Amino acid sequence: MHLFDATDMSDPDPDFERVLVRLEALAGPSPAARFGAAIRQSIDEVLDGPRTGRWAFTQLEKTEKTYVGTKLEIVVRTSLGLEPGAVLDLDIEGEPVDIKWGMNSGWQIP
């Protein structure tokens, strides 16, 4: 399984290809499971059901939902063994990479 489908790129980008290869190597044989676990961990840590008495994402305040995205950035970075980026969330193969996620959308990594 590939993290991204670059087959529709009419003009291949060598920087993108380097980042893609590195991300796939870091994510391991099951990137969907690794990122799924990161999403679950991030939501669970913000929900903190035993302490807050809330058990569903929909029970979070707007600011807490925003923090899930920030938490996810930290969990993914740690899971992949990467350091924070100087400009964006990560530096992968010398390229700045931003992590974006929303509960009702897919991954967006510019």
PDB file of N, CA and C in Angstrom:
ATOM      1  N   MET A   1       0.838  -1.176   0.000  1.00  0.00           N
ATOM      2  CA  MET A   1       0.000   0.000   0.000  1.00  0.00           C
ATOM      3  C   MET A   1       0.884   1.239   0.000  1.00  0.00           C
ATOM      4  N   HIS A   2       0.542   2.219  -0.814  1.00  0.00           N
ATOM      5  CA  HIS A   2       1.282   3.475  -0.865  1.00  0.00           C
ATOM      6  C   HIS A   2       0.540   4.531  -0.065  1.00  0.00           C
ATOM      7  N   LEU A   3       1.306   5.426   0.561  1.00  0.00           N
ATOM      8  CA  LEU A   3       0.699   6.531   1.291  1.00  0.00           C
ATOM      9  C   LEU A   3      -0.018   7.478   0.351  1.00  0.00           C
ATOM     10  N   PHE A   4       0.571   7.707  -0.815  1.00  0.00           N
ATOM     11  CA  PHE A   4       0.028   8.663  -1.769  1.00  0.00           C
ATOM     12  C   PHE A   4       0.022   8.033  -3.149  1.00  0.00           C
ATOM     13  N   ASP A   5      -0.918   8.444  -3.957  1.00  0.00           N
ATOM     14  CA  ASP A   5      -0.963   7.970  -5.336  1.00  0.00           C
ATOM     15  C   ASP A   5      -0.432   9.084  -6.219  1.00  0.00           C
ATOM     16  N   ALA A   6       0.794   8.916  -6.654  1.00  0.00           N
ATOM     17  CA  ALA A   6       1.429   9.941  -7.477  1.00  0.00           C
ATOM     18  C   ALA A   6       1.305   9.624  -8.961  1.00  0.00           C
ATOM     19  N   THR A   7       0.492   8.650  -9.319  1.00  0.00           N
ATOM     20  CA  THR A   7       0.405   8.235 -10.720  1.00  0.00           C
ATOM     21  C   THR A   7      -0.244   9.288 -11.606  1.00  0.00           C
ATOM     22  N   ASP A   8      -1.028  10.207 -11.018  1.00  0.00           N
ATOM     23  CA  ASP A   8      -1.695  11.213 -11.836  1.00  0.00           C
ATOM     24  C   ASP A   8      -0.879  12.492 -11.974  1.00  0.00           C
ATOM     25  N   MET A   9       0.360  12.481 -11.486  1.00  0.00           N
ATOM     26  CA  MET A   9       1.209  13.664 -11.611  1.00  0.00           C
ATOM     27  C   MET A   9       1.763  13.727 -13.028  1.00  0.00           C
ATOM     28  N   SER A  10       1.368  14.746 -13.776  1.00  0.00           N
ATOM     29  CA  SER A  10       1.816  14.862 -15.156  1.00  0.00           C
ATOM     30  C   SER A  10       3.288  15.266 -15.244  1.00  0.00           C
ATOM     31  N   ASP A  11       3.781  15.988 -14.249  1.00  0.00           N
ATOM     32  CA  ASP A  11       5.173  16.423 -14.223  1.00  0.00           C
ATOM     33  C   ASP A  11       5.788  15.955 -12.912  1.00  0.00           C
ATOM     34  N   PRO A  12       6.455  14.795 -12.906  1.00  0.00           N
ATOM     35  CA  PRO A  12       6.993  14.251 -11.656  1.00  0.00           C
ATOM     36  C   PRO A  12       7.905  15.250 -10.939  1.00  0.00           C
ATOM     37  N   ASP A  13       7.798  15.265  -9.642  1.00  0.00           N
ATOM     38  CA  ASP A  13       8.578  16.167  -8.796  1.00  0.00           C
ATOM     39  C   ASP A  13       9.584  15.335  -8.008  1.00  0.00           C
ATOM     40  N   PRO A  14      10.888  15.483  -8.278  1.00  0.00           N
ATOM     41  CA  PRO A  14      11.886  14.647  -7.593  1.00  0.00           C
ATOM     42  C   PRO A  14      11.898  14.872  -6.076  1.00  0.00           C
ATOM     43  N   ASP A  15      11.606  16.081  -5.608  1.00  0.00           N
ATOM     44  CA  ASP A  15      11.543  16.341  -4.172  1.00  0.00           C
ATOM     45  C   ASP A  15      10.393  15.567  -3.542  1.00  0.00           C
ATOM     46  N   PHE A  16       9.242  15.583  -4.218  1.00  0.00           N
ATOM     47  CA  PHE A  16       8.083  14.832  -3.742  1.00  0.00           C
ATOM     48  C   PHE A  16       8.416  13.345  -3.675  1.00  0.00           C
ATOM     49  N   GLU A  17       9.078  12.849  -4.703  1.00  0.00           N
ATOM     50  CA  GLU A  17       9.429  11.426  -4.750  1.00  0.00           C
ATOM     51  C   GLU A  17      10.347  11.040  -3.589  1.00  0.00           C
ATOM     52  N   ARG A  18      11.338  11.887  -3.268  1.00  0.00           N
ATOM     53  CA  ARG A  18      12.240  11.610  -2.143  1.00  0.00           C
ATOM     54  C   ARG A  18      11.473  11.572  -0.826  1.00  0.00           C
ATOM     55  N   VAL A  19      10.563  12.535  -0.628  1.00  0.00           N
ATOM     56  CA  VAL A  19       9.757  12.578   0.597  1.00  0.00           C
ATOM     57  C   VAL A  19       8.853  11.351   0.665  1.00  0.00           C
ATOM     58  N   LEU A  20       8.238  11.003  -0.447  1.00  0.00           N
ATOM     59  CA  LEU A  20       7.346   9.842  -0.503  1.00  0.00           C
ATOM     60  C   LEU A  20       8.082   8.556  -0.129  1.00  0.00           C
ATOM     61  N   VAL A  21       9.234   8.344  -0.704  1.00  0.00           N
ATOM     62  CA  VAL A  21      10.015   7.133  -0.421  1.00  0.00           C
ATOM     63  C   VAL A  21      10.369   7.080   1.064  1.00  0.00           C
ATOM     64  N   ARG A  22      10.791   8.201   1.634  1.00  0.00           N
ATOM     65  CA  ARG A  22      11.173   8.236   3.050  1.00  0.00           C
ATOM     66  C   ARG A  22       9.963   8.002   3.952  1.00  0.00           C
ATOM     67  N   LEU A  23       8.829   8.645   3.644  1.00  0.00           N
ATOM     68  CA  LEU A  23       7.617   8.442   4.441  1.00  0.00           C
ATOM     69  C   LEU A  23       7.159   6.994   4.401  1.00  0.00           C
ATOM     70  N   GLU A  24       7.194   6.393   3.235  1.00  0.00           N
ATOM     71  CA  GLU A  24       6.781   4.996   3.122  1.00  0.00           C
ATOM     72  C   GLU A  24       7.710   4.081   3.921  1.00  0.00           C
ATOM     73  N   ALA A  25       9.002   4.397   3.922  1.00  0.00           N
ATOM     74  CA  ALA A  25       9.947   3.597   4.704  1.00  0.00           C
ATOM     75  C   ALA A  25       9.687   3.765   6.202  1.00  0.00           C
ATOM     76  N   LEU A  26       9.417   4.984   6.624  1.00  0.00           N
ATOM     77  CA  LEU A  26       9.155   5.250   8.043  1.00  0.00           C
ATOM     78  C   LEU A  26       7.827   4.653   8.508  1.00  0.00           C
ATOM     79  N   ALA A  27       6.826   4.679   7.635  1.00  0.00           N
ATOM     80  CA  ALA A  27       5.482   4.207   8.002  1.00  0.00           C
ATOM     81  C   ALA A  27       5.418   2.689   8.093  1.00  0.00           C
ATOM     82  N   GLY A  28       6.341   2.014   7.455  1.00  0.00           N
ATOM     83  CA  GLY A  28       6.369   0.557   7.536  1.00  0.00           C
ATOM     84  C   GLY A  28       5.379  -0.119   6.607  1.00  0.00           C
ATOM     85  N   PRO A  29       5.161  -1.418   6.802  1.00  0.00           N
ATOM     86  CA  PRO A  29       4.348  -2.194   5.869  1.00  0.00           C
ATOM     87  C   PRO A  29       2.851  -1.866   5.925  1.00  0.00           C
ATOM     88  N   SER A  30       2.401  -1.233   6.994  1.00  0.00           N
ATOM     89  CA  SER A  30       0.974  -0.918   7.106  1.00  0.00           C
ATOM     90  C   SER A  30       0.775   0.546   7.508  1.00  0.00           C
ATOM     91  N   PRO A  31       0.963   1.468   6.550  1.00  0.00           N
ATOM     92  CA  PRO A  31       0.822   2.887   6.874  1.00  0.00           C
ATOM     93  C   PRO A  31      -0.577   3.244   7.370  1.00  0.00           C
ATOM     94  N   ALA A  32      -1.598   2.600   6.826  1.00  0.00           N
ATOM     95  CA  ALA A  32      -2.973   2.894   7.273  1.00  0.00           C
ATOM     96  C   ALA A  32      -3.142   2.550   8.753  1.00  0.00           C
ATOM     97  N   ALA A  33      -2.581   1.424   9.184  1.00  0.00           N
ATOM     98  CA  ALA A  33      -2.670   1.030  10.595  1.00  0.00           C
ATOM     99  C   ALA A  33      -1.870   1.989  11.473  1.00  0.00           C
ATOM    100  N   ARG A  34      -0.687   2.376  11.014  1.00  0.00           N
ATOM    101  CA  ARG A  34       0.151   3.283  11.809  1.00  0.00           C
ATOM    102  C   ARG A  34      -0.523   4.640  11.977  1.00  0.00           C
ATOM    103  N   PHE A  35      -1.043   5.209  10.890  1.00  0.00           N
ATOM    104  CA  PHE A  35      -1.687   6.516  10.982  1.00  0.00           C
ATOM    105  C   PHE A  35      -3.036   6.412  11.688  1.00  0.00           C
ATOM    106  N   GLY A  36      -3.726   5.305  11.499  1.00  0.00           N
ATOM    107  CA  GLY A  36      -4.978   5.084  12.227  1.00  0.00           C
ATOM    108  C   GLY A  36      -4.755   5.050  13.725  1.00  0.00           C
ATOM    109  N   ALA A  37      -3.685   4.382  14.147  1.00  0.00           N
ATOM    110  CA  ALA A  37      -3.352   4.322  15.574  1.00  0.00           C
ATOM    111  C   ALA A  37      -2.988   5.709  16.103  1.00  0.00           C
ATOM    112  N   ALA A  38      -2.311   6.500  15.294  1.00  0.00           N
ATOM    113  CA  ALA A  38      -1.949   7.861  15.698  1.00  0.00           C
ATOM    114  C   ALA A  38      -3.200   8.725  15.873  1.00  0.00           C
ATOM    115  N   ILE A  39      -4.158   8.576  14.967  1.00  0.00           N
ATOM    116  CA  ILE A  39      -5.413   9.326  15.074  1.00  0.00           C
ATOM    117  C   ILE A  39      -6.161   8.906  16.331  1.00  0.00           C
ATOM    118  N   ARG A  40      -6.271   7.603  16.546  1.00  0.00           N
ATOM    119  CA  ARG A  40      -6.974   7.085  17.734  1.00  0.00           C
ATOM    120  C   ARG A  40      -6.321   7.599  19.022  1.00  0.00           C
ATOM    121  N   GLN A  41      -4.985   7.521  19.092  1.00  0.00           N
ATOM    122  CA  GLN A  41      -4.265   7.975  20.278  1.00  0.00           C
ATOM    123  C   GLN A  41      -4.505   9.460  20.524  1.00  0.00           C
ATOM    124  N   SER A  42      -4.460  10.260  19.469  1.00  0.00           N
ATOM    125  CA  SER A  42      -4.641  11.710  19.607  1.00  0.00           C
ATOM    126  C   SER A  42      -6.024  12.052  20.132  1.00  0.00           C
ATOM    127  N   ILE A  43      -7.037  11.421  19.568  1.00  0.00           N
ATOM    128  CA  ILE A  43      -8.414  11.672  20.025  1.00  0.00           C
ATOM    129  C   ILE A  43      -8.580  11.207  21.467  1.00  0.00           C
ATOM    130  N   ASP A  44      -8.079  10.011  21.781  1.00  0.00           N
ATOM    131  CA  ASP A  44      -8.209   9.476  23.140  1.00  0.00           C
ATOM    132  C   ASP A  44      -7.518  10.358  24.170  1.00  0.00           C
ATOM    133  N   GLU A  45      -6.353  10.878  23.831  1.00  0.00           N
ATOM    134  CA  GLU A  45      -5.629  11.715  24.781  1.00  0.00           C
ATOM    135  C   GLU A  45      -6.342  13.036  25.039  1.00  0.00           C
ATOM    136  N   VAL A  46      -7.012  13.566  24.024  1.00  0.00           N
ATOM    137  CA  VAL A  46      -7.764  14.817  24.222  1.00  0.00           C
ATOM    138  C   VAL A  46      -9.086  14.531  24.915  1.00  0.00           C
ATOM    139  N   LEU A  47      -9.773  13.463  24.510  1.00  0.00           N
ATOM    140  CA  LEU A  47     -11.039  13.102  25.172  1.00  0.00           C
ATOM    141  C   LEU A  47     -10.819  12.786  26.648  1.00  0.00           C
ATOM    142  N   ASP A  48      -9.845  11.936  26.940  1.00  0.00           N
ATOM    143  CA  ASP A  48      -9.508  11.541  28.309  1.00  0.00           C
ATOM    144  C   ASP A  48     -10.771  11.176  29.092  1.00  0.00           C
ATOM    145  N   GLY A  49     -11.507  10.194  28.565  1.00  0.00           N
ATOM    146  CA  GLY A  49     -12.799   9.792  29.116  1.00  0.00           C
ATOM    147  C   GLY A  49     -12.858   9.596  30.623  1.00  0.00           C
ATOM    148  N   PRO A  50     -11.931   8.850  31.226  1.00  0.00           N
ATOM    149  CA  PRO A  50     -12.018   8.641  32.667  1.00  0.00           C
ATOM    150  C   PRO A  50     -11.968   9.955  33.471  1.00  0.00           C
ATOM    151  N   ARG A  51     -11.224  10.926  32.964  1.00  0.00           N
ATOM    152  CA  ARG A  51     -11.102  12.193  33.675  1.00  0.00           C
ATOM    153  C   ARG A  51     -12.229  13.162  33.332  1.00  0.00           C
ATOM    154  N   THR A  52     -12.605  13.227  32.032  1.00  0.00           N
ATOM    155  CA  THR A  52     -13.570  14.239  31.591  1.00  0.00           C
ATOM    156  C   THR A  52     -15.004  13.734  31.536  1.00  0.00           C
ATOM    157  N   GLY A  53     -15.183  12.403  31.480  1.00  0.00           N
ATOM    158  CA  GLY A  53     -16.534  11.851  31.348  1.00  0.00           C
ATOM    159  C   GLY A  53     -17.083  11.970  29.934  1.00  0.00           C
ATOM    160  N   ARG A  54     -16.217  12.302  28.979  1.00  0.00           N
ATOM    161  CA  ARG A  54     -16.635  12.383  27.570  1.00  0.00           C
ATOM    162  C   ARG A  54     -15.999  11.243  26.803  1.00  0.00           C
ATOM    163  N   TRP A  55     -16.777  10.646  25.908  1.00  0.00           N
ATOM    164  CA  TRP A  55     -16.311   9.445  25.216  1.00  0.00           C
ATOM    165  C   TRP A  55     -16.415   9.537  23.699  1.00  0.00           C
ATOM    166  N   ALA A  56     -16.881  10.667  23.174  1.00  0.00           N
ATOM    167  CA  ALA A  56     -17.048  10.810  21.726  1.00  0.00           C
ATOM    168  C   ALA A  56     -16.452  12.127  21.246  1.00  0.00           C
ATOM    169  N   PHE A  57     -15.878  12.101  20.048  1.00  0.00           N
ATOM    170  CA  PHE A  57     -15.289  13.291  19.446  1.00  0.00           C
ATOM    171  C   PHE A  57     -16.301  14.439  19.413  1.00  0.00           C
ATOM    172  N   THR A  58     -17.557  14.106  19.158  1.00  0.00           N
ATOM    173  CA  THR A  58     -18.600  15.141  19.055  1.00  0.00           C
ATOM    174  C   THR A  58     -18.837  15.861  20.383  1.00  0.00           C
ATOM    175  N   GLN A  59     -18.375  15.299  21.482  1.00  0.00           N
ATOM    176  CA  GLN A  59     -18.540  15.931  22.786  1.00  0.00           C
ATOM    177  C   GLN A  59     -17.458  16.969  23.085  1.00  0.00           C
ATOM    178  N   LEU A  60     -16.455  17.055  22.240  1.00  0.00           N
ATOM    179  CA  LEU A  60     -15.380  18.015  22.464  1.00  0.00           C
ATOM    180  C   LEU A  60     -15.810  19.428  22.090  1.00  0.00           C
ATOM    181  N   GLU A  61     -15.238  20.400  22.785  1.00  0.00           N
ATOM    182  CA  GLU A  61     -15.413  21.806  22.434  1.00  0.00           C
ATOM    183  C   GLU A  61     -14.635  22.082  21.150  1.00  0.00           C
ATOM    184  N   LYS A  62     -14.980  23.173  20.474  1.00  0.00           N
ATOM    185  CA  LYS A  62     -14.327  23.522  19.212  1.00  0.00           C
ATOM    186  C   LYS A  62     -12.804  23.626  19.385  1.00  0.00           C
ATOM    187  N   THR A  63     -12.358  24.274  20.444  1.00  0.00           N
ATOM    188  CA  THR A  63     -10.917  24.423  20.662  1.00  0.00           C
ATOM    189  C   THR A  63     -10.238  23.080  20.919  1.00  0.00           C
ATOM    190  N   GLU A  64     -10.953  22.162  21.571  1.00  0.00           N
ATOM    191  CA  GLU A  64     -10.386  20.833  21.810  1.00  0.00           C
ATOM    192  C   GLU A  64     -10.268  20.060  20.506  1.00  0.00           C
ATOM    193  N   LYS A  65     -11.235  20.224  19.634  1.00  0.00           N
ATOM    194  CA  LYS A  65     -11.163  19.559  18.323  1.00  0.00           C
ATOM    195  C   LYS A  65      -9.967  20.084  17.542  1.00  0.00           C
ATOM    196  N   THR A  66      -9.717  21.377  17.649  1.00  0.00           N
ATOM    197  CA  THR A  66      -8.544  21.954  16.998  1.00  0.00           C
ATOM    198  C   THR A  66      -7.272  21.357  17.585  1.00  0.00           C
ATOM    199  N   TYR A  67      -7.262  21.174  18.902  1.00  0.00           N
ATOM    200  CA  TYR A  67      -6.084  20.612  19.562  1.00  0.00           C
ATOM    201  C   TYR A  67      -5.835  19.168  19.155  1.00  0.00           C
ATOM    202  N   VAL A  68      -6.871  18.432  18.785  1.00  0.00           N
ATOM    203  CA  VAL A  68      -6.661  17.059  18.297  1.00  0.00           C
ATOM    204  C   VAL A  68      -5.701  17.093  17.111  1.00  0.00           C
ATOM    205  N   GLY A  69      -5.868  18.069  16.221  1.00  0.00           N
ATOM    206  CA  GLY A  69      -4.970  18.196  15.074  1.00  0.00           C
ATOM    207  C   GLY A  69      -3.537  18.458  15.494  1.00  0.00           C
ATOM    208  N   THR A  70      -3.355  19.325  16.482  1.00  0.00           N
ATOM    209  CA  THR A  70      -2.023  19.615  17.000  1.00  0.00           C
ATOM    210  C   THR A  70      -1.433  18.377  17.665  1.00  0.00           C
ATOM    211  N   LYS A  71      -2.245  17.700  18.442  1.00  0.00           N
ATOM    212  CA  LYS A  71      -1.806  16.484  19.123  1.00  0.00           C
ATOM    213  C   LYS A  71      -1.404  15.421  18.098  1.00  0.00           C
ATOM    214  N   LEU A  72      -2.182  15.310  17.037  1.00  0.00           N
ATOM    215  CA  LEU A  72      -1.891  14.341  15.979  1.00  0.00           C
ATOM    216  C   LEU A  72      -0.536  14.633  15.343  1.00  0.00           C
ATOM    217  N   GLU A  73      -0.262  15.878  15.108  1.00  0.00           N
ATOM    218  CA  GLU A  73       1.032  16.281  14.555  1.00  0.00           C
ATOM    219  C   GLU A  73       2.171  15.762  15.445  1.00  0.00           C
ATOM    220  N   ILE A  74       2.023  15.922  16.749  1.00  0.00           N
ATOM    221  CA  ILE A  74       3.045  15.483  17.700  1.00  0.00           C
ATOM    222  C   ILE A  74       3.161  13.959  17.723  1.00  0.00           C
ATOM    223  N   VAL A  75       2.017  13.272  17.745  1.00  0.00           N
ATOM    224  CA  VAL A  75       2.015  11.808  17.802  1.00  0.00           C
ATOM    225  C   VAL A  75       2.611  11.209  16.523  1.00  0.00           C
ATOM    226  N   VAL A  76       2.250  11.751  15.364  1.00  0.00           N
ATOM    227  CA  VAL A  76       2.796  11.245  14.097  1.00  0.00           C
ATOM    228  C   VAL A  76       4.299  11.475  14.046  1.00  0.00           C
ATOM    229  N   ARG A  77       4.713  12.671  14.401  1.00  0.00           N
ATOM    230  CA  ARG A  77       6.142  12.994  14.382  1.00  0.00           C
ATOM    231  C   ARG A  77       6.920  12.021  15.278  1.00  0.00           C
ATOM    232  N   THR A  78       6.413  11.778  16.469  1.00  0.00           N
ATOM    233  CA  THR A  78       7.075  10.874  17.399  1.00  0.00           C
ATOM    234  C   THR A  78       7.056   9.436  16.875  1.00  0.00           C
ATOM    235  N   SER A  79       5.908   9.015  16.357  1.00  0.00           N
ATOM    236  CA  SER A  79       5.761   7.661  15.831  1.00  0.00           C
ATOM    237  C   SER A  79       6.739   7.379  14.691  1.00  0.00           C
ATOM    238  N   LEU A  80       6.986   8.383  13.873  1.00  0.00           N
ATOM    239  CA  LEU A  80       7.891   8.212  12.733  1.00  0.00           C
ATOM    240  C   LEU A  80       9.349   8.481  13.099  1.00  0.00           C
ATOM    241  N   GLY A  81       9.594   8.920  14.338  1.00  0.00           N
ATOM    242  CA  GLY A  81      10.956   9.182  14.771  1.00  0.00           C
ATOM    243  C   GLY A  81      11.562  10.417  14.134  1.00  0.00           C
ATOM    244  N   LEU A  82      10.724  11.426  13.861  1.00  0.00           N
ATOM    245  CA  LEU A  82      11.196  12.650  13.215  1.00  0.00           C
ATOM    246  C   LEU A  82      11.258  13.805  14.208  1.00  0.00           C
ATOM    247  N   GLU A  83      12.035  14.803  13.857  1.00  0.00           N
ATOM    248  CA  GLU A  83      12.150  16.024  14.652  1.00  0.00           C
ATOM    249  C   GLU A  83      11.221  17.091  14.074  1.00  0.00           C
ATOM    250  N   PRO A  84      10.851  18.076  14.901  1.00  0.00           N
ATOM    251  CA  PRO A  84      10.035  19.183  14.376  1.00  0.00           C
ATOM    252  C   PRO A  84      10.775  19.897  13.248  1.00  0.00           C
ATOM    253  N   GLY A  85      10.002  20.372  12.281  1.00  0.00           N
ATOM    254  CA  GLY A  85      10.586  21.104  11.168  1.00  0.00           C
ATOM    255  C   GLY A  85      10.903  22.543  11.535  1.00  0.00           C
ATOM    256  N   ALA A  86      11.805  23.150  10.782  1.00  0.00           N
ATOM    257  CA  ALA A  86      12.178  24.541  11.021  1.00  0.00           C
ATOM    258  C   ALA A  86      11.115  25.502  10.505  1.00  0.00           C
ATOM    259  N   VAL A  87      10.442  25.120   9.416  1.00  0.00           N
ATOM    260  CA  VAL A  87       9.454  26.002   8.794  1.00  0.00           C
ATOM    261  C   VAL A  87       8.045  25.446   8.970  1.00  0.00           C
ATOM    262  N   LEU A  88       7.849  24.175   8.626  1.00  0.00           N
ATOM    263  CA  LEU A  88       6.556  23.513   8.761  1.00  0.00           C
ATOM    264  C   LEU A  88       6.667  22.440   9.838  1.00  0.00           C
ATOM    265  N   ASP A  89       5.694  21.549   9.908  1.00  0.00           N
ATOM    266  CA  ASP A  89       5.639  20.555  10.976  1.00  0.00           C
ATOM    267  C   ASP A  89       6.843  19.608  10.995  1.00  0.00           C
ATOM    268  N   LEU A  90       7.298  19.199   9.827  1.00  0.00           N
ATOM    269  CA  LEU A  90       8.393  18.234   9.705  1.00  0.00           C
ATOM    270  C   LEU A  90       9.362  18.663   8.622  1.00  0.00           C
ATOM    271  N   ASP A  91      10.580  18.158   8.708  1.00  0.00           N
ATOM    272  CA  ASP A  91      11.528  18.206   7.594  1.00  0.00           C
ATOM    273  C   ASP A  91      11.796  16.762   7.221  1.00  0.00           C
ATOM    274  N   ILE A  92      11.496  16.403   5.979  1.00  0.00           N
ATOM    275  CA  ILE A  92      11.739  15.051   5.505  1.00  0.00           C
ATOM    276  C   ILE A  92      12.588  15.152   4.249  1.00  0.00           C
ATOM    277  N   GLU A  93      13.757  14.536   4.322  1.00  0.00           N
ATOM    278  CA  GLU A  93      14.700  14.590   3.201  1.00  0.00           C
ATOM    279  C   GLU A  93      14.996  16.032   2.790  1.00  0.00           C
ATOM    280  N   GLY A  94      15.079  16.920   3.782  1.00  0.00           N
ATOM    281  CA  GLY A  94      15.390  18.320   3.521  1.00  0.00           C
ATOM    282  C   GLY A  94      14.227  19.154   3.024  1.00  0.00           C
ATOM    283  N   GLU A  95      13.051  18.571   2.937  1.00  0.00           N
ATOM    284  CA  GLU A  95      11.866  19.288   2.456  1.00  0.00           C
ATOM    285  C   GLU A  95      10.924  19.587   3.617  1.00  0.00           C
ATOM    286  N   PRO A  96      10.413  20.818   3.714  1.00  0.00           N
ATOM    287  CA  PRO A  96       9.426  21.122   4.748  1.00  0.00           C
ATOM    288  C   PRO A  96       8.093  20.450   4.416  1.00  0.00           C
ATOM    289  N   VAL A  97       7.512  19.772   5.411  1.00  0.00           N
ATOM    290  CA  VAL A  97       6.257  19.042   5.229  1.00  0.00           C
ATOM    291  C   VAL A  97       5.285  19.475   6.323  1.00  0.00           C
ATOM    292  N   ASP A  98       4.065  19.767   5.938  1.00  0.00           N
ATOM    293  CA  ASP A  98       3.029  20.170   6.879  1.00  0.00           C
ATOM    294  C   ASP A  98       2.028  19.042   7.026  1.00  0.00           C
ATOM    295  N   ILE A  99       1.596  18.767   8.246  1.00  0.00           N
ATOM    296  CA  ILE A  99       0.594  17.730   8.488  1.00  0.00           C
ATOM    297  C   ILE A  99      -0.741  18.403   8.739  1.00  0.00           C
ATOM    298  N   LYS A 100      -1.745  18.019   7.981  1.00  0.00           N
ATOM    299  CA  LYS A 100      -3.094  18.542   8.161  1.00  0.00           C
ATOM    300  C   LYS A 100      -4.058  17.373   8.209  1.00  0.00           C
ATOM    301  N   TRP A 101      -5.016  17.459   9.124  1.00  0.00           N
ATOM    302  CA  TRP A 101      -6.020  16.409   9.249  1.00  0.00           C
ATOM    303  C   TRP A 101      -7.306  17.027   9.767  1.00  0.00           C
ATOM    304  N   GLY A 102      -8.428  16.510   9.303  1.00  0.00           N
ATOM    305  CA  GLY A 102      -9.728  16.927   9.803  1.00  0.00           C
ATOM    306  C   GLY A 102     -10.601  15.704   9.991  1.00  0.00           C
ATOM    307  N   MET A 103     -11.465  15.752  10.974  1.00  0.00           N
ATOM    308  CA  MET A 103     -12.307  14.595  11.292  1.00  0.00           C
ATOM    309  C   MET A 103     -13.135  14.132  10.093  1.00  0.00           C
ATOM    310  N   ASN A 104     -13.531  15.041   9.242  1.00  0.00           N
ATOM    311  CA  ASN A 104     -14.395  14.687   8.111  1.00  0.00           C
ATOM    312  C   ASN A 104     -13.699  14.791   6.761  1.00  0.00           C
ATOM    313  N   SER A 105     -12.376  14.741   6.773  1.00  0.00           N
ATOM    314  CA  SER A 105     -11.654  14.808   5.495  1.00  0.00           C
ATOM    315  C   SER A 105     -10.470  13.859   5.549  1.00  0.00           C
ATOM    316  N   GLY A 106      -9.758  13.797   4.460  1.00  0.00           N
ATOM    317  CA  GLY A 106      -8.590  12.940   4.395  1.00  0.00           C
ATOM    318  C   GLY A 106      -7.329  13.686   4.782  1.00  0.00           C
ATOM    319  N   TRP A 107      -6.217  12.986   4.714  1.00  0.00           N
ATOM    320  CA  TRP A 107      -4.927  13.603   4.993  1.00  0.00           C
ATOM    321  C   TRP A 107      -4.618  14.657   3.948  1.00  0.00           C
ATOM    322  N   GLN A 108      -4.025  15.723   4.393  1.00  0.00           N
ATOM    323  CA  GLN A 108      -3.572  16.785   3.500  1.00  0.00           C
ATOM    324  C   GLN A 108      -2.157  17.155   3.914  1.00  0.00           C
ATOM    325  N   ILE A 109      -1.172  16.761   3.149  1.00  0.00           N
ATOM    326  CA  ILE A 109       0.216  17.079   3.472  1.00  0.00           C
ATOM    327  C   ILE A 109       0.805  17.839   2.299  1.00  0.00           C
ATOM    328  N   PRO A 110       0.889  19.192   2.428  1.00  0.00           N
ATOM    329  CA  PRO A 110       1.426  19.964   1.319  1.00  0.00           C
ATOM    330  C   PRO A 110       2.938  19.816   1.189  1.00  0.00           C
TER     331      PRO A 110
END
